[in-house]
Amino acid sequence: MSSGWWVLAGVVVGGITSGGIGYLLQKRQFAHEVNMFMLKNKGAENVKSLLTEMLSHKSFTDRSFEAMRKAVGGYTDAEIQQLLHEIPAKKTSRKEGAEEWWYLVSRGEERASKRNAGT
């Protein structure tokens, strides 16, 4: 009977050791994947902060898409528009749809009050 207990103890110790090593490897792999994701998306986060800064300027509630595209560089129009939607910003147009302008949703009331004061 004593050999049966040794077998059982060996199985338990082996299972715990194997589980512990597997846990540590998975934890390390997850940390690596999170780090790689952050590095991959760092450029987009920097662009989002630049766009937010431009749209948060105290003098301008709206910004033209052309001005923002020149400031960003290296991204397609569709990618910049996607980032603007993620901020969140809203699209509007001027001159019968010829020009594309954007503003932050959080500044909608300020934008409306400036428009009403200007008319």
PDB file of N, CA and C in Angstrom:
ATOM      1  N   MET A   1       0.798  -1.194   0.000  1.00  0.00           N
ATOM      2  CA  MET A   1       0.000   0.000   0.000  1.00  0.00           C
ATOM      3  C   MET A   1       0.845   1.263   0.000  1.00  0.00           C
ATOM      4  N   SER A   2       1.997   1.192   0.586  1.00  0.00           N
ATOM      5  CA  SER A   2       2.815   2.391   0.641  1.00  0.00           C
ATOM      6  C   SER A   2       3.278   2.802  -0.755  1.00  0.00           C
ATOM      7  N   SER A   3       3.465   1.848  -1.663  1.00  0.00           N
ATOM      8  CA  SER A   3       3.873   2.217  -3.027  1.00  0.00           C
ATOM      9  C   SER A   3       2.727   2.915  -3.761  1.00  0.00           C
ATOM     10  N   GLY A   4       1.497   2.573  -3.453  1.00  0.00           N
ATOM     11  CA  GLY A   4       0.338   3.246  -4.046  1.00  0.00           C
ATOM     12  C   GLY A   4       0.270   4.712  -3.643  1.00  0.00           C
ATOM     13  N   TRP A   5       0.600   4.985  -2.385  1.00  0.00           N
ATOM     14  CA  TRP A   5       0.614   6.375  -1.920  1.00  0.00           C
ATOM     15  C   TRP A   5       1.710   7.179  -2.608  1.00  0.00           C
ATOM     16  N   TRP A   6       2.850   6.528  -2.834  1.00  0.00           N
ATOM     17  CA  TRP A   6       3.937   7.223  -3.533  1.00  0.00           C
ATOM     18  C   TRP A   6       3.551   7.551  -4.974  1.00  0.00           C
ATOM     19  N   VAL A   7       2.854   6.646  -5.610  1.00  0.00           N
ATOM     20  CA  VAL A   7       2.393   6.897  -6.982  1.00  0.00           C
ATOM     21  C   VAL A   7       1.406   8.063  -6.993  1.00  0.00           C
ATOM     22  N   LEU A   8       0.474   8.036  -6.060  1.00  0.00           N
ATOM     23  CA  LEU A   8      -0.509   9.113  -5.963  1.00  0.00           C
ATOM     24  C   LEU A   8       0.171  10.459  -5.670  1.00  0.00           C
ATOM     25  N   ALA A   9       1.132  10.479  -4.771  1.00  0.00           N
ATOM     26  CA  ALA A   9       1.860  11.710  -4.446  1.00  0.00           C
ATOM     27  C   ALA A   9       2.632  12.205  -5.669  1.00  0.00           C
ATOM     28  N   GLY A  10       3.233  11.289  -6.421  1.00  0.00           N
ATOM     29  CA  GLY A  10       3.969  11.671  -7.630  1.00  0.00           C
ATOM     30  C   GLY A  10       3.058  12.286  -8.672  1.00  0.00           C
ATOM     31  N   VAL A  11       1.866  11.729  -8.831  1.00  0.00           N
ATOM     32  CA  VAL A  11       0.902  12.270  -9.792  1.00  0.00           C
ATOM     33  C   VAL A  11       0.451  13.666  -9.353  1.00  0.00           C
ATOM     34  N   VAL A  12       0.167  13.838  -8.075  1.00  0.00           N
ATOM     35  CA  VAL A  12      -0.283  15.135  -7.561  1.00  0.00           C
ATOM     36  C   VAL A  12       0.817  16.183  -7.713  1.00  0.00           C
ATOM     37  N   VAL A  13       2.036  15.852  -7.314  1.00  0.00           N
ATOM     38  CA  VAL A  13       3.150  16.801  -7.432  1.00  0.00           C
ATOM     39  C   VAL A  13       3.412  17.121  -8.900  1.00  0.00           C
ATOM     40  N   GLY A  14       3.370  16.135  -9.758  1.00  0.00           N
ATOM     41  CA  GLY A  14       3.572  16.361 -11.197  1.00  0.00           C
ATOM     42  C   GLY A  14       2.489  17.245 -11.789  1.00  0.00           C
ATOM     43  N   GLY A  15       1.255  17.020 -11.387  1.00  0.00           N
ATOM     44  CA  GLY A  15       0.147  17.843 -11.883  1.00  0.00           C
ATOM     45  C   GLY A  15       0.261  19.285 -11.429  1.00  0.00           C
ATOM     46  N   ILE A  16       0.588  19.485 -10.168  1.00  0.00           N
ATOM     47  CA  ILE A  16       0.735  20.846  -9.640  1.00  0.00           C
ATOM     48  C   ILE A  16       1.905  21.556 -10.314  1.00  0.00           C
ATOM     49  N   THR A  17       3.020  20.865 -10.472  1.00  0.00           N
ATOM     50  CA  THR A  17       4.191  21.464 -11.122  1.00  0.00           C
ATOM     51  C   THR A  17       3.885  21.814 -12.570  1.00  0.00           C
ATOM     52  N   SER A  18       3.267  20.893 -13.277  1.00  0.00           N
ATOM     53  CA  SER A  18       2.916  21.138 -14.683  1.00  0.00           C
ATOM     54  C   SER A  18       1.939  22.307 -14.808  1.00  0.00           C
ATOM     55  N   GLY A  19       0.946  22.362 -13.940  1.00  0.00           N
ATOM     56  CA  GLY A  19      -0.018  23.461 -13.962  1.00  0.00           C
ATOM     57  C   GLY A  19       0.631  24.797 -13.642  1.00  0.00           C
ATOM     58  N   GLY A  20       1.530  24.812 -12.672  1.00  0.00           N
ATOM     59  CA  GLY A  20       2.226  26.049 -12.301  1.00  0.00           C
ATOM     60  C   GLY A  20       3.106  26.564 -13.427  1.00  0.00           C
ATOM     61  N   ILE A  21       3.828  25.672 -14.075  1.00  0.00           N
ATOM     62  CA  ILE A  21       4.683  26.080 -15.199  1.00  0.00           C
ATOM     63  C   ILE A  21       3.825  26.580 -16.352  1.00  0.00           C
ATOM     64  N   GLY A  22       2.735  25.893 -16.644  1.00  0.00           N
ATOM     65  CA  GLY A  22       1.825  26.333 -17.708  1.00  0.00           C
ATOM     66  C   GLY A  22       1.240  27.702 -17.420  1.00  0.00           C
ATOM     67  N   TYR A  23       0.863  27.936 -16.166  1.00  0.00           N
ATOM     68  CA  TYR A  23       0.316  29.242 -15.771  1.00  0.00           C
ATOM     69  C   TYR A  23       1.346  30.349 -15.971  1.00  0.00           C
ATOM     70  N   LEU A  24       2.569  30.115 -15.519  1.00  0.00           N
ATOM     71  CA  LEU A  24       3.617  31.132 -15.660  1.00  0.00           C
ATOM     72  C   LEU A  24       3.926  31.423 -17.129  1.00  0.00           C
ATOM     73  N   LEU A  25       3.951  30.388 -17.966  1.00  0.00           N
ATOM     74  CA  LEU A  25       4.208  30.601 -19.393  1.00  0.00           C
ATOM     75  C   LEU A  25       3.073  31.389 -20.050  1.00  0.00           C
ATOM     76  N   GLN A  26       1.834  31.074 -19.707  1.00  0.00           N
ATOM     77  CA  GLN A  26       0.691  31.800 -20.266  1.00  0.00           C
ATOM     78  C   GLN A  26       0.686  33.254 -19.806  1.00  0.00           C
ATOM     79  N   LYS A  27       1.042  33.490 -18.551  1.00  0.00           N
ATOM     80  CA  LYS A  27       1.091  34.850 -18.022  1.00  0.00           C
ATOM     81  C   LYS A  27       2.139  35.669 -18.768  1.00  0.00           C
ATOM     82  N   ARG A  28       3.281  35.068 -19.015  1.00  0.00           N
ATOM     83  CA  ARG A  28       4.348  35.757 -19.748  1.00  0.00           C
ATOM     84  C   ARG A  28       3.932  36.018 -21.192  1.00  0.00           C
ATOM     85  N   GLN A  29       3.301  35.041 -21.833  1.00  0.00           N
ATOM     86  CA  GLN A  29       2.846  35.195 -23.215  1.00  0.00           C
ATOM     87  C   GLN A  29       1.791  36.299 -23.319  1.00  0.00           C
ATOM     88  N   PHE A  30       0.879  36.357 -22.369  1.00  0.00           N
ATOM     89  CA  PHE A  30      -0.153  37.393 -22.376  1.00  0.00           C
ATOM     90  C   PHE A  30       0.468  38.780 -22.230  1.00  0.00           C
ATOM     91  N   ALA A  31       1.422  38.923 -21.321  1.00  0.00           N
ATOM     92  CA  ALA A  31       2.091  40.218 -21.142  1.00  0.00           C
ATOM     93  C   ALA A  31       2.803  40.631 -22.425  1.00  0.00           C
ATOM     94  N   HIS A  32       3.414  39.670 -23.104  1.00  0.00           N
ATOM     95  CA  HIS A  32       4.095  39.964 -24.367  1.00  0.00           C
ATOM     96  C   HIS A  32       3.096  40.407 -25.436  1.00  0.00           C
ATOM     97  N   GLU A  33       1.960  39.729 -25.534  1.00  0.00           N
ATOM     98  CA  GLU A  33       0.953  40.087 -26.535  1.00  0.00           C
ATOM     99  C   GLU A  33       0.350  41.463 -26.253  1.00  0.00           C
ATOM    100  N   VAL A  34       0.132  41.798 -24.999  1.00  0.00           N
ATOM    101  CA  VAL A  34      -0.378  43.126 -24.648  1.00  0.00           C
ATOM    102  C   VAL A  34       0.637  44.191 -25.047  1.00  0.00           C
ATOM    103  N   ASN A  35       1.903  43.937 -24.761  1.00  0.00           N
ATOM    104  CA  ASN A  35       2.958  44.882 -25.119  1.00  0.00           C
ATOM    105  C   ASN A  35       3.033  45.069 -26.636  1.00  0.00           C
ATOM    106  N   MET A  36       2.944  43.997 -27.399  1.00  0.00           N
ATOM    107  CA  MET A  36       2.997  44.088 -28.861  1.00  0.00           C
ATOM    108  C   MET A  36       1.782  44.837 -29.400  1.00  0.00           C
ATOM    109  N   PHE A  37       0.614  44.618 -28.816  1.00  0.00           N
ATOM    110  CA  PHE A  37      -0.590  45.336 -29.237  1.00  0.00           C
ATOM    111  C   PHE A  37      -0.432  46.833 -28.997  1.00  0.00           C
ATOM    112  N   MET A  38       0.097  47.192 -27.840  1.00  0.00           N
ATOM    113  CA  MET A  38       0.293  48.608 -27.519  1.00  0.00           C
ATOM    114  C   MET A  38       1.301  49.251 -28.468  1.00  0.00           C
ATOM    115  N   LEU A  39       2.375  48.544 -28.781  1.00  0.00           N
ATOM    116  CA  LEU A  39       3.365  49.086 -29.711  1.00  0.00           C
ATOM    117  C   LEU A  39       2.785  49.244 -31.110  1.00  0.00           C
ATOM    118  N   LYS A  40       1.973  48.281 -31.517  1.00  0.00           N
ATOM    119  CA  LYS A  40       1.373  48.323 -32.848  1.00  0.00           C
ATOM    120  C   LYS A  40       0.405  49.499 -32.982  1.00  0.00           C
ATOM    121  N   ASN A  41      -0.333  49.800 -31.926  1.00  0.00           N
ATOM    122  CA  ASN A  41      -1.356  50.844 -31.979  1.00  0.00           C
ATOM    123  C   ASN A  41      -0.899  52.182 -31.409  1.00  0.00           C
ATOM    124  N   LYS A  42       0.375  52.301 -31.091  1.00  0.00           N
ATOM    125  CA  LYS A  42       0.886  53.540 -30.511  1.00  0.00           C
ATOM    126  C   LYS A  42       0.749  54.706 -31.479  1.00  0.00           C
ATOM    127  N   GLY A  43       1.010  54.475 -32.753  1.00  0.00           N
ATOM    128  CA  GLY A  43       0.890  55.535 -33.753  1.00  0.00           C
ATOM    129  C   GLY A  43      -0.530  56.052 -33.855  1.00  0.00           C
ATOM    130  N   ALA A  44      -1.486  55.145 -33.871  1.00  0.00           N
ATOM    131  CA  ALA A  44      -2.891  55.554 -33.957  1.00  0.00           C
ATOM    132  C   ALA A  44      -3.305  56.334 -32.711  1.00  0.00           C
ATOM    133  N   GLU A  45      -2.810  55.930 -31.547  1.00  0.00           N
ATOM    134  CA  GLU A  45      -3.143  56.658 -30.315  1.00  0.00           C
ATOM    135  C   GLU A  45      -2.547  58.061 -30.341  1.00  0.00           C
ATOM    136  N   ASN A  46      -1.338  58.190 -30.879  1.00  0.00           N
ATOM    137  CA  ASN A  46      -0.730  59.521 -30.992  1.00  0.00           C
ATOM    138  C   ASN A  46      -1.524  60.405 -31.948  1.00  0.00           C
ATOM    139  N   VAL A  47      -1.994  59.826 -33.044  1.00  0.00           N
ATOM    140  CA  VAL A  47      -2.795  60.591 -34.003  1.00  0.00           C
ATOM    141  C   VAL A  47      -4.115  61.006 -33.363  1.00  0.00           C
ATOM    142  N   LYS A  48      -4.735  60.107 -32.596  1.00  0.00           N
ATOM    143  CA  LYS A  48      -5.987  60.452 -31.911  1.00  0.00           C
ATOM    144  C   LYS A  48      -5.778  61.615 -30.949  1.00  0.00           C
ATOM    145  N   SER A  49      -4.672  61.596 -30.216  1.00  0.00           N
ATOM    146  CA  SER A  49      -4.430  62.697 -29.276  1.00  0.00           C
ATOM    147  C   SER A  49      -4.172  64.002 -30.021  1.00  0.00           C
ATOM    148  N   LEU A  50      -3.498  63.947 -31.168  1.00  0.00           N
ATOM    149  CA  LEU A  50      -3.281  65.154 -31.971  1.00  0.00           C
ATOM    150  C   LEU A  50      -4.602  65.699 -32.500  1.00  0.00           C
ATOM    151  N   LEU A  51      -5.452  64.813 -33.022  1.00  0.00           N
ATOM    152  CA  LEU A  51      -6.750  65.248 -33.542  1.00  0.00           C
ATOM    153  C   LEU A  51      -7.621  65.828 -32.426  1.00  0.00           C
ATOM    154  N   THR A  52      -7.597  65.195 -31.266  1.00  0.00           N
ATOM    155  CA  THR A  52      -8.365  65.706 -30.129  1.00  0.00           C
ATOM    156  C   THR A  52      -7.860  67.078 -29.714  1.00  0.00           C
ATOM    157  N   GLU A  53      -6.545  67.246 -29.708  1.00  0.00           N
ATOM    158  CA  GLU A  53      -5.963  68.544 -29.362  1.00  0.00           C
ATOM    159  C   GLU A  53      -6.379  69.611 -30.368  1.00  0.00           C
ATOM    160  N   MET A  54      -6.358  69.268 -31.649  1.00  0.00           N
ATOM    161  CA  MET A  54      -6.755  70.233 -32.676  1.00  0.00           C
ATOM    162  C   MET A  54      -8.225  70.617 -32.537  1.00  0.00           C
ATOM    163  N   LEU A  55      -9.078  69.626 -32.275  1.00  0.00           N
ATOM    164  CA  LEU A  55     -10.512  69.892 -32.164  1.00  0.00           C
ATOM    165  C   LEU A  55     -10.893  70.511 -30.820  1.00  0.00           C
ATOM    166  N   SER A  56      -9.984  70.489 -29.846  1.00  0.00           N
ATOM    167  CA  SER A  56     -10.252  71.076 -28.532  1.00  0.00           C
ATOM    168  C   SER A  56      -9.719  72.497 -28.412  1.00  0.00           C
ATOM    169  N   HIS A  57      -9.139  73.022 -29.456  1.00  0.00           N
ATOM    170  CA  HIS A  57      -8.562  74.370 -29.412  1.00  0.00           C
ATOM    171  C   HIS A  57      -9.639  75.370 -29.016  1.00  0.00           C
ATOM    172  N   LYS A  58      -9.287  76.301 -28.124  1.00  0.00           N
ATOM    173  CA  LYS A  58     -10.299  77.211 -27.578  1.00  0.00           C
ATOM    174  C   LYS A  58     -10.876  78.160 -28.615  1.00  0.00           C
ATOM    175  N   SER A  59     -10.127  78.480 -29.651  1.00  0.00           N
ATOM    176  CA  SER A  59     -10.615  79.439 -30.652  1.00  0.00           C
ATOM    177  C   SER A  59     -11.429  78.789 -31.765  1.00  0.00           C
ATOM    178  N   PHE A  60     -11.210  77.499 -31.999  1.00  0.00           N
ATOM    179  CA  PHE A  60     -11.865  76.832 -33.123  1.00  0.00           C
ATOM    180  C   PHE A  60     -12.681  75.647 -32.625  1.00  0.00           C
ATOM    181  N   THR A  61     -13.985  75.685 -32.852  1.00  0.00           N
ATOM    182  CA  THR A  61     -14.795  74.511 -32.524  1.00  0.00           C
ATOM    183  C   THR A  61     -14.777  73.524 -33.676  1.00  0.00           C
ATOM    184  N   ASP A  62     -14.664  74.021 -34.909  1.00  0.00           N
ATOM    185  CA  ASP A  62     -14.623  73.169 -36.102  1.00  0.00           C
ATOM    186  C   ASP A  62     -13.230  73.232 -36.718  1.00  0.00           C
ATOM    187  N   ARG A  63     -12.851  72.146 -37.370  1.00  0.00           N
ATOM    188  CA  ARG A  63     -11.605  72.121 -38.137  1.00  0.00           C
ATOM    189  C   ARG A  63     -11.895  71.481 -39.481  1.00  0.00           C
ATOM    190  N   SER A  64     -11.242  71.999 -40.504  1.00  0.00           N
ATOM    191  CA  SER A  64     -11.419  71.407 -41.827  1.00  0.00           C
ATOM    192  C   SER A  64     -10.651  70.090 -41.886  1.00  0.00           C
ATOM    193  N   PHE A  65     -11.172  69.183 -42.665  1.00  0.00           N
ATOM    194  CA  PHE A  65     -10.514  67.897 -42.829  1.00  0.00           C
ATOM    195  C   PHE A  65      -9.143  68.081 -43.468  1.00  0.00           C
ATOM    196  N   GLU A  66      -9.030  69.038 -44.363  1.00  0.00           N
ATOM    197  CA  GLU A  66      -7.750  69.310 -45.028  1.00  0.00           C
ATOM    198  C   GLU A  66      -6.684  69.712 -44.014  1.00  0.00           C
ATOM    199  N   ALA A  67      -7.037  70.579 -43.074  1.00  0.00           N
ATOM    200  CA  ALA A  67      -6.074  71.020 -42.058  1.00  0.00           C
ATOM    201  C   ALA A  67      -5.618  69.851 -41.194  1.00  0.00           C
ATOM    202  N   MET A  68      -6.557  68.984 -40.829  1.00  0.00           N
ATOM    203  CA  MET A  68      -6.196  67.836 -39.999  1.00  0.00           C
ATOM    204  C   MET A  68      -5.382  66.821 -40.784  1.00  0.00           C
ATOM    205  N   ARG A  69      -5.703  66.633 -42.055  1.00  0.00           N
ATOM    206  CA  ARG A  69      -4.957  65.690 -42.882  1.00  0.00           C
ATOM    207  C   ARG A  69      -3.511  66.149 -43.042  1.00  0.00           C
ATOM    208  N   LYS A  70      -3.301  67.455 -43.213  1.00  0.00           N
ATOM    209  CA  LYS A  70      -1.939  67.986 -43.339  1.00  0.00           C
ATOM    210  C   LYS A  70      -1.154  67.794 -42.048  1.00  0.00           C
ATOM    211  N   ALA A  71      -1.813  67.945 -40.917  1.00  0.00           N
ATOM    212  CA  ALA A  71      -1.136  67.804 -39.628  1.00  0.00           C
ATOM    213  C   ALA A  71      -0.776  66.356 -39.323  1.00  0.00           C
ATOM    214  N   VAL A  72      -1.598  65.423 -39.791  1.00  0.00           N
ATOM    215  CA  VAL A  72      -1.386  64.015 -39.464  1.00  0.00           C
ATOM    216  C   VAL A  72      -0.343  63.396 -40.386  1.00  0.00           C
ATOM    217  N   GLY A  73      -0.621  63.316 -41.666  1.00  0.00           N
ATOM    218  CA  GLY A  73       0.314  62.727 -42.618  1.00  0.00           C
ATOM    219  C   GLY A  73       0.522  61.236 -42.402  1.00  0.00           C
ATOM    220  N   GLY A  74       0.704  60.505 -43.481  1.00  0.00           N
ATOM    221  CA  GLY A  74       0.988  59.083 -43.389  1.00  0.00           C
ATOM    222  C   GLY A  74      -0.224  58.185 -43.237  1.00  0.00           C
ATOM    223  N   TYR A  75      -1.403  58.750 -43.203  1.00  0.00           N
ATOM    224  CA  TYR A  75      -2.637  57.980 -43.082  1.00  0.00           C
ATOM    225  C   TYR A  75      -3.547  58.322 -44.253  1.00  0.00           C
ATOM    226  N   THR A  76      -4.340  57.354 -44.682  1.00  0.00           N
ATOM    227  CA  THR A  76      -5.297  57.614 -45.753  1.00  0.00           C
ATOM    228  C   THR A  76      -6.474  58.405 -45.189  1.00  0.00           C
ATOM    229  N   ASP A  77      -7.264  58.977 -46.091  1.00  0.00           N
ATOM    230  CA  ASP A  77      -8.443  59.736 -45.657  1.00  0.00           C
ATOM    231  C   ASP A  77      -9.387  58.857 -44.845  1.00  0.00           C
ATOM    232  N   ALA A  78      -9.580  57.618 -45.290  1.00  0.00           N
ATOM    233  CA  ALA A  78     -10.492  56.708 -44.584  1.00  0.00           C
ATOM    234  C   ALA A  78      -9.981  56.397 -43.177  1.00  0.00           C
ATOM    235  N   GLU A  79      -8.668  56.225 -43.022  1.00  0.00           N
ATOM    236  CA  GLU A  79      -8.106  55.942 -41.702  1.00  0.00           C
ATOM    237  C   GLU A  79      -8.262  57.150 -40.775  1.00  0.00           C
ATOM    238  N   ILE A  80      -8.039  58.346 -41.303  1.00  0.00           N
ATOM    239  CA  ILE A  80      -8.200  59.552 -40.489  1.00  0.00           C
ATOM    240  C   ILE A  80      -9.658  59.712 -40.073  1.00  0.00           C
ATOM    241  N   GLN A  81     -10.582  59.460 -40.994  1.00  0.00           N
ATOM    242  CA  GLN A  81     -12.000  59.558 -40.661  1.00  0.00           C
ATOM    243  C   GLN A  81     -12.380  58.534 -39.597  1.00  0.00           C
ATOM    244  N   GLN A  82     -11.825  57.328 -39.681  1.00  0.00           N
ATOM    245  CA  GLN A  82     -12.092  56.306 -38.674  1.00  0.00           C
ATOM    246  C   GLN A  82     -11.591  56.761 -37.303  1.00  0.00           C
ATOM    247  N   LEU A  83     -10.392  57.329 -37.261  1.00  0.00           N
ATOM    248  CA  LEU A  83      -9.848  57.825 -36.000  1.00  0.00           C
ATOM    249  C   LEU A  83     -10.691  58.974 -35.450  1.00  0.00           C
ATOM    250  N   LEU A  84     -11.194  59.824 -36.329  1.00  0.00           N
ATOM    251  CA  LEU A  84     -12.058  60.922 -35.886  1.00  0.00           C
ATOM    252  C   LEU A  84     -13.349  60.390 -35.272  1.00  0.00           C
ATOM    253  N   HIS A  85     -13.884  59.322 -35.843  1.00  0.00           N
ATOM    254  CA  HIS A  85     -15.100  58.724 -35.276  1.00  0.00           C
ATOM    255  C   HIS A  85     -14.814  58.092 -33.919  1.00  0.00           C
ATOM    256  N   GLU A  86     -13.603  57.593 -33.723  1.00  0.00           N
ATOM    257  CA  GLU A  86     -13.246  56.966 -32.453  1.00  0.00           C
ATOM    258  C   GLU A  86     -13.028  57.985 -31.343  1.00  0.00           C
ATOM    259  N   ILE A  87     -12.811  59.258 -31.674  1.00  0.00           N
ATOM    260  CA  ILE A  87     -12.473  60.280 -30.660  1.00  0.00           C
ATOM    261  C   ILE A  87     -13.608  60.538 -29.666  1.00  0.00           C
ATOM    262  N   PRO A  88     -14.801  60.853 -29.890  1.00  0.00           N
ATOM    263  CA  PRO A  88     -15.713  60.905 -31.026  1.00  0.00           C
ATOM    264  C   PRO A  88     -15.877  62.329 -31.569  1.00  0.00           C
ATOM    265  N   ALA A  89     -15.876  62.408 -32.872  1.00  0.00           N
ATOM    266  CA  ALA A  89     -16.091  63.680 -33.556  1.00  0.00           C
ATOM    267  C   ALA A  89     -17.201  63.489 -34.579  1.00  0.00           C
ATOM    268  N   LYS A  90     -17.845  64.591 -34.936  1.00  0.00           N
ATOM    269  CA  LYS A  90     -18.921  64.551 -35.931  1.00  0.00           C
ATOM    270  C   LYS A  90     -18.502  65.308 -37.172  1.00  0.00           C
ATOM    271  N   LYS A  91     -18.983  64.821 -38.285  1.00  0.00           N
ATOM    272  CA  LYS A  91     -18.679  65.425 -39.579  1.00  0.00           C
ATOM    273  C   LYS A  91     -19.801  66.381 -39.966  1.00  0.00           C
ATOM    274  N   THR A  92     -19.413  67.504 -40.525  1.00  0.00           N
ATOM    275  CA  THR A  92     -20.364  68.457 -41.071  1.00  0.00           C
ATOM    276  C   THR A  92     -19.760  69.002 -42.354  1.00  0.00           C
ATOM    277  N   SER A  93     -20.534  69.757 -43.098  1.00  0.00           N
ATOM    278  CA  SER A  93     -19.996  70.290 -44.353  1.00  0.00           C
ATOM    279  C   SER A  93     -20.354  71.756 -44.484  1.00  0.00           C
ATOM    280  N   ARG A  94     -19.584  72.418 -45.307  1.00  0.00           N
ATOM    281  CA  ARG A  94     -19.818  73.830 -45.605  1.00  0.00           C
ATOM    282  C   ARG A  94     -19.817  74.004 -47.113  1.00  0.00           C
ATOM    283  N   LYS A  95     -20.352  75.115 -47.551  1.00  0.00           N
ATOM    284  CA  LYS A  95     -20.416  75.452 -48.975  1.00  0.00           C
ATOM    285  C   LYS A  95     -21.072  74.328 -49.776  1.00  0.00           C
ATOM    286  N   GLU A  96     -22.272  73.980 -49.362  1.00  0.00           N
ATOM    287  CA  GLU A  96     -23.094  72.980 -50.050  1.00  0.00           C
ATOM    288  C   GLU A  96     -22.378  71.640 -50.211  1.00  0.00           C
ATOM    289  N   GLY A  97     -21.717  71.194 -49.171  1.00  0.00           N
ATOM    290  CA  GLY A  97     -21.088  69.886 -49.180  1.00  0.00           C
ATOM    291  C   GLY A  97     -19.727  69.822 -49.829  1.00  0.00           C
ATOM    292  N   ALA A  98     -19.187  70.948 -50.250  1.00  0.00           N
ATOM    293  CA  ALA A  98     -17.889  70.942 -50.923  1.00  0.00           C
ATOM    294  C   ALA A  98     -16.738  70.754 -49.938  1.00  0.00           C
ATOM    295  N   GLU A  99     -16.885  71.271 -48.723  1.00  0.00           N
ATOM    296  CA  GLU A  99     -15.833  71.174 -47.723  1.00  0.00           C
ATOM    297  C   GLU A  99     -16.288  70.301 -46.559  1.00  0.00           C
ATOM    298  N   GLU A 100     -15.381  69.477 -46.084  1.00  0.00           N
ATOM    299  CA  GLU A 100     -15.659  68.586 -44.969  1.00  0.00           C
ATOM    300  C   GLU A 100     -15.052  69.184 -43.695  1.00  0.00           C
ATOM    301  N   TRP A 101     -15.883  69.375 -42.668  1.00  0.00           N
ATOM    302  CA  TRP A 101     -15.447  69.930 -41.397  1.00  0.00           C
ATOM    303  C   TRP A 101     -15.816  68.962 -40.283  1.00  0.00           C
ATOM    304  N   TRP A 102     -15.053  68.992 -39.185  1.00  0.00           N
ATOM    305  CA  TRP A 102     -15.272  68.093 -38.061  1.00  0.00           C
ATOM    306  C   TRP A 102     -15.269  68.884 -36.761  1.00  0.00           C
ATOM    307  N   TYR A 103     -16.036  68.399 -35.786  1.00  0.00           N
ATOM    308  CA  TYR A 103     -16.044  68.986 -34.444  1.00  0.00           C
ATOM    309  C   TYR A 103     -16.258  67.876 -33.424  1.00  0.00           C
ATOM    310  N   LEU A 104     -15.811  68.123 -32.201  1.00  0.00           N
ATOM    311  CA  LEU A 104     -16.002  67.156 -31.125  1.00  0.00           C
ATOM    312  C   LEU A 104     -17.454  67.159 -30.670  1.00  0.00           C
ATOM    313  N   VAL A 105     -17.991  65.991 -30.411  1.00  0.00           N
ATOM    314  CA  VAL A 105     -19.371  65.871 -29.940  1.00  0.00           C
ATOM    315  C   VAL A 105     -19.531  66.624 -28.618  1.00  0.00           C
ATOM    316  N   SER A 106     -18.515  66.578 -27.774  1.00  0.00           N
ATOM    317  CA  SER A 106     -18.594  67.250 -26.473  1.00  0.00           C
ATOM    318  C   SER A 106     -18.667  68.771 -26.600  1.00  0.00           C
ATOM    319  N   ARG A 107     -18.293  69.315 -27.754  1.00  0.00           N
ATOM    320  CA  ARG A 107     -18.336  70.766 -27.962  1.00  0.00           C
ATOM    321  C   ARG A 107     -19.525  71.173 -28.832  1.00  0.00           C
ATOM    322  N   GLY A 108     -20.503  70.312 -28.967  1.00  0.00           N
ATOM    323  CA  GLY A 108     -21.664  70.594 -29.805  1.00  0.00           C
ATOM    324  C   GLY A 108     -22.448  71.811 -29.355  1.00  0.00           C
ATOM    325  N   GLU A 109     -22.675  71.939 -28.049  1.00  0.00           N
ATOM    326  CA  GLU A 109     -23.430  73.092 -27.533  1.00  0.00           C
ATOM    327  C   GLU A 109     -22.646  74.388 -27.727  1.00  0.00           C
ATOM    328  N   GLU A 110     -21.350  74.336 -27.466  1.00  0.00           N
ATOM    329  CA  GLU A 110     -20.504  75.518 -27.668  1.00  0.00           C
ATOM    330  C   GLU A 110     -20.514  75.937 -29.134  1.00  0.00           C
ATOM    331  N   ARG A 111     -20.466  74.964 -30.009  1.00  0.00           N
ATOM    332  CA  ARG A 111     -20.495  75.225 -31.453  1.00  0.00           C
ATOM    333  C   ARG A 111     -21.820  75.881 -31.850  1.00  0.00           C
ATOM    334  N   ALA A 112     -22.926  75.356 -31.320  1.00  0.00           N
ATOM    335  CA  ALA A 112     -24.245  75.906 -31.644  1.00  0.00           C
ATOM    336  C   ALA A 112     -24.393  77.330 -31.117  1.00  0.00           C
ATOM    337  N   SER A 113     -23.891  77.586 -29.919  1.00  0.00           N
ATOM    338  CA  SER A 113     -24.002  78.942 -29.366  1.00  0.00           C
ATOM    339  C   SER A 113     -23.153  79.931 -30.157  1.00  0.00           C
ATOM    340  N   LYS A 114     -21.990  79.517 -30.646  1.00  0.00           N
ATOM    341  CA  LYS A 114     -21.166  80.401 -31.478  1.00  0.00           C
ATOM    342  C   LYS A 114     -21.847  80.671 -32.808  1.00  0.00           C
ATOM    343  N   ARG A 115     -22.498  79.663 -33.356  1.00  0.00           N
ATOM    344  CA  ARG A 115     -23.206  79.840 -34.627  1.00  0.00           C
ATOM    345  C   ARG A 115     -24.385  80.801 -34.455  1.00  0.00           C
ATOM    346  N   ASN A 116     -25.126  80.650 -33.357  1.00  0.00           N
ATOM    347  CA  ASN A 116     -26.276  81.531 -33.103  1.00  0.00           C
ATOM    348  C   ASN A 116     -25.832  82.960 -32.819  1.00  0.00           C
ATOM    349  N   ALA A 117     -24.710  83.127 -32.141  1.00  0.00           N
ATOM    350  CA  ALA A 117     -24.200  84.468 -31.842  1.00  0.00           C
ATOM    351  C   ALA A 117     -23.682  85.146 -33.106  1.00  0.00           C
ATOM    352  N   GLY A 118     -23.204  84.346 -34.057  1.00  0.00           N
ATOM    353  CA  GLY A 118     -22.659  84.900 -35.297  1.00  0.00           C
ATOM    354  C   GLY A 118     -23.719  85.311 -36.292  1.00  0.00           C
ATOM    355  N   THR A 119     -24.945  84.837 -36.147  1.00  0.00           N
ATOM    356  CA  THR A 119     -26.010  85.183 -37.107  1.00  0.00           C
ATOM    357  C   THR A 119     -26.820  86.351 -36.668  1.00  0.00           C
TER     358      THR A 119
END
